[in-house]
Amino acid sequence: MKFAPLLVLPLIAACSGPGPIVPETKVEKQMIGLLEKFDRYDLNGDGELDSGELVAAQKSTGHPPSEIIDFYDRDKSRTISLREAQRGFKRLDEAEQRADHTH
């Protein structure tokens, strides 16, 4: 039983993780908000966000649904899947540049 504490330590370390993501910019906050609220915005539950469902996002971001879709929609379906939203977050620098040019 002397080794029991040694076994617990890796489990605690594995569960701690990096902690919550804290947005540093307005754009980053908006992108995280889309990910956090994806299921809430997906009114019909099809796993995709269309322009009608993104009206609520426009209120919080100031960007019309067409701009949001243009940024995230990589397969040109005119909707945003959760995977596309997640991948879009990896393009934060591009989103920041677009925001700088529109304001």
Protein backbone atom coordinates (compact mmCIF):
# COMPACT_ATOMS: atom_id res chain seq x y z
CA MET A 1 0.00 0.00 0.00
CA LYS A 2 2.98 2.33 0.09
CA PHE A 3 2.52 2.98 -3.63
CA ALA A 4 -1.15 4.05 -3.45
CA PRO A 5 -0.38 7.79 -3.10
CA LEU A 6 1.86 7.60 -6.15
CA LEU A 7 -1.00 6.19 -8.23
CA VAL A 8 -3.39 8.95 -7.21
CA LEU A 9 -1.05 11.79 -8.17
CA PRO A 10 -1.11 11.10 -11.93
CA LEU A 11 -4.92 10.89 -11.83
CA ILE A 12 -5.18 14.28 -10.15
CA ALA A 13 -2.75 15.80 -12.63
CA ALA A 14 -4.64 14.31 -15.57
CA CYS A 15 -7.94 15.80 -14.40
CA SER A 16 -6.70 19.30 -13.73
CA GLY A 17 -6.30 20.34 -17.40
CA PRO A 18 -5.43 23.84 -18.54
CA GLY A 19 -8.53 25.40 -16.98
CA PRO A 20 -11.18 27.51 -18.65
CA ILE A 21 -10.38 29.55 -21.73
CA VAL A 22 -10.36 33.23 -20.87
CA PRO A 23 -10.94 35.41 -23.92
CA GLU A 24 -8.41 38.17 -24.41
CA THR A 25 -10.17 40.15 -27.16
CA LYS A 26 -13.72 41.03 -28.16
CA VAL A 27 -13.51 38.78 -31.23
CA GLU A 28 -12.23 35.86 -29.18
CA LYS A 29 -15.10 36.36 -26.72
CA GLN A 30 -17.61 36.33 -29.60
CA MET A 31 -16.12 33.15 -31.08
CA ILE A 32 -16.16 31.37 -27.73
CA GLY A 33 -19.75 32.55 -27.27
CA LEU A 34 -20.76 30.90 -30.53
CA LEU A 35 -19.24 27.61 -29.40
CA GLU A 36 -20.82 27.83 -25.96
CA LYS A 37 -24.27 28.69 -27.33
CA PHE A 38 -24.21 26.48 -30.42
CA ASP A 39 -26.90 24.10 -29.14
CA ARG A 40 -29.06 26.98 -27.95
CA TYR A 41 -28.87 28.68 -31.35
CA ASP A 42 -29.64 25.39 -33.16
CA LEU A 43 -33.41 25.82 -32.84
CA ASN A 44 -34.42 22.91 -35.07
CA GLY A 45 -31.80 20.56 -33.57
CA ASP A 46 -30.27 19.52 -36.90
CA GLY A 47 -26.69 20.16 -35.78
CA GLU A 48 -26.26 23.08 -38.20
CA LEU A 49 -26.75 26.81 -37.75
CA ASP A 50 -28.46 28.64 -40.61
CA SER A 51 -28.94 32.37 -41.10
CA GLY A 52 -32.30 32.36 -39.30
CA GLU A 53 -30.80 30.69 -36.26
CA LEU A 54 -27.90 33.15 -36.21
CA VAL A 55 -30.11 36.21 -35.70
CA ALA A 56 -29.55 35.82 -31.95
CA ALA A 57 -25.78 35.76 -32.54
CA GLN A 58 -26.06 39.02 -34.49
CA LYS A 59 -27.47 40.72 -31.40
CA SER A 60 -24.42 39.80 -29.35
CA THR A 61 -21.73 40.20 -32.03
CA GLY A 62 -23.00 43.00 -34.23
CA HIS A 63 -22.25 40.87 -37.31
CA PRO A 64 -25.11 39.86 -39.63
CA PRO A 65 -25.74 36.12 -40.09
CA SER A 66 -24.37 36.23 -43.65
CA GLU A 67 -20.95 37.43 -42.40
CA ILE A 68 -20.87 34.82 -39.65
CA ILE A 69 -21.70 32.07 -42.15
CA ASP A 70 -19.16 33.39 -44.69
CA PHE A 71 -16.40 33.08 -42.09
CA TYR A 72 -17.21 29.65 -40.66
CA ASP A 73 -18.86 27.78 -43.56
CA ARG A 74 -16.01 25.89 -45.23
CA ASP A 75 -18.11 23.35 -47.15
CA LYS A 76 -20.29 26.10 -48.71
CA SER A 77 -23.53 24.57 -47.40
CA ARG A 78 -24.68 28.02 -46.14
CA THR A 79 -24.86 26.55 -42.64
CA ILE A 80 -22.33 26.12 -39.84
CA SER A 81 -21.76 22.73 -38.26
CA LEU A 82 -20.29 22.43 -34.78
CA ARG A 83 -17.09 21.11 -36.34
CA GLU A 84 -16.86 24.18 -38.60
CA ALA A 85 -17.42 26.42 -35.57
CA GLN A 86 -14.64 24.62 -33.69
CA ARG A 87 -12.28 24.86 -36.65
CA GLY A 88 -13.15 28.53 -37.06
CA PHE A 89 -11.85 29.23 -33.58
CA LYS A 90 -8.44 28.02 -34.74
CA ARG A 91 -8.55 30.86 -37.29
CA LEU A 92 -8.74 33.54 -34.59
CA ASP A 93 -6.03 35.67 -36.24
CA GLU A 94 -8.03 35.79 -39.48
CA ALA A 95 -11.19 36.73 -37.56
CA GLU A 96 -9.31 39.52 -35.77
CA GLN A 97 -8.07 40.88 -39.12
CA ARG A 98 -11.57 40.82 -40.61
CA ALA A 99 -12.93 42.65 -37.57
CA ASP A 100 -10.22 45.32 -37.90
CA HIS A 101 -11.19 45.93 -41.54
CA THR A 102 -14.92 46.23 -40.86
CA HIS A 103 -14.67 48.75 -38.04
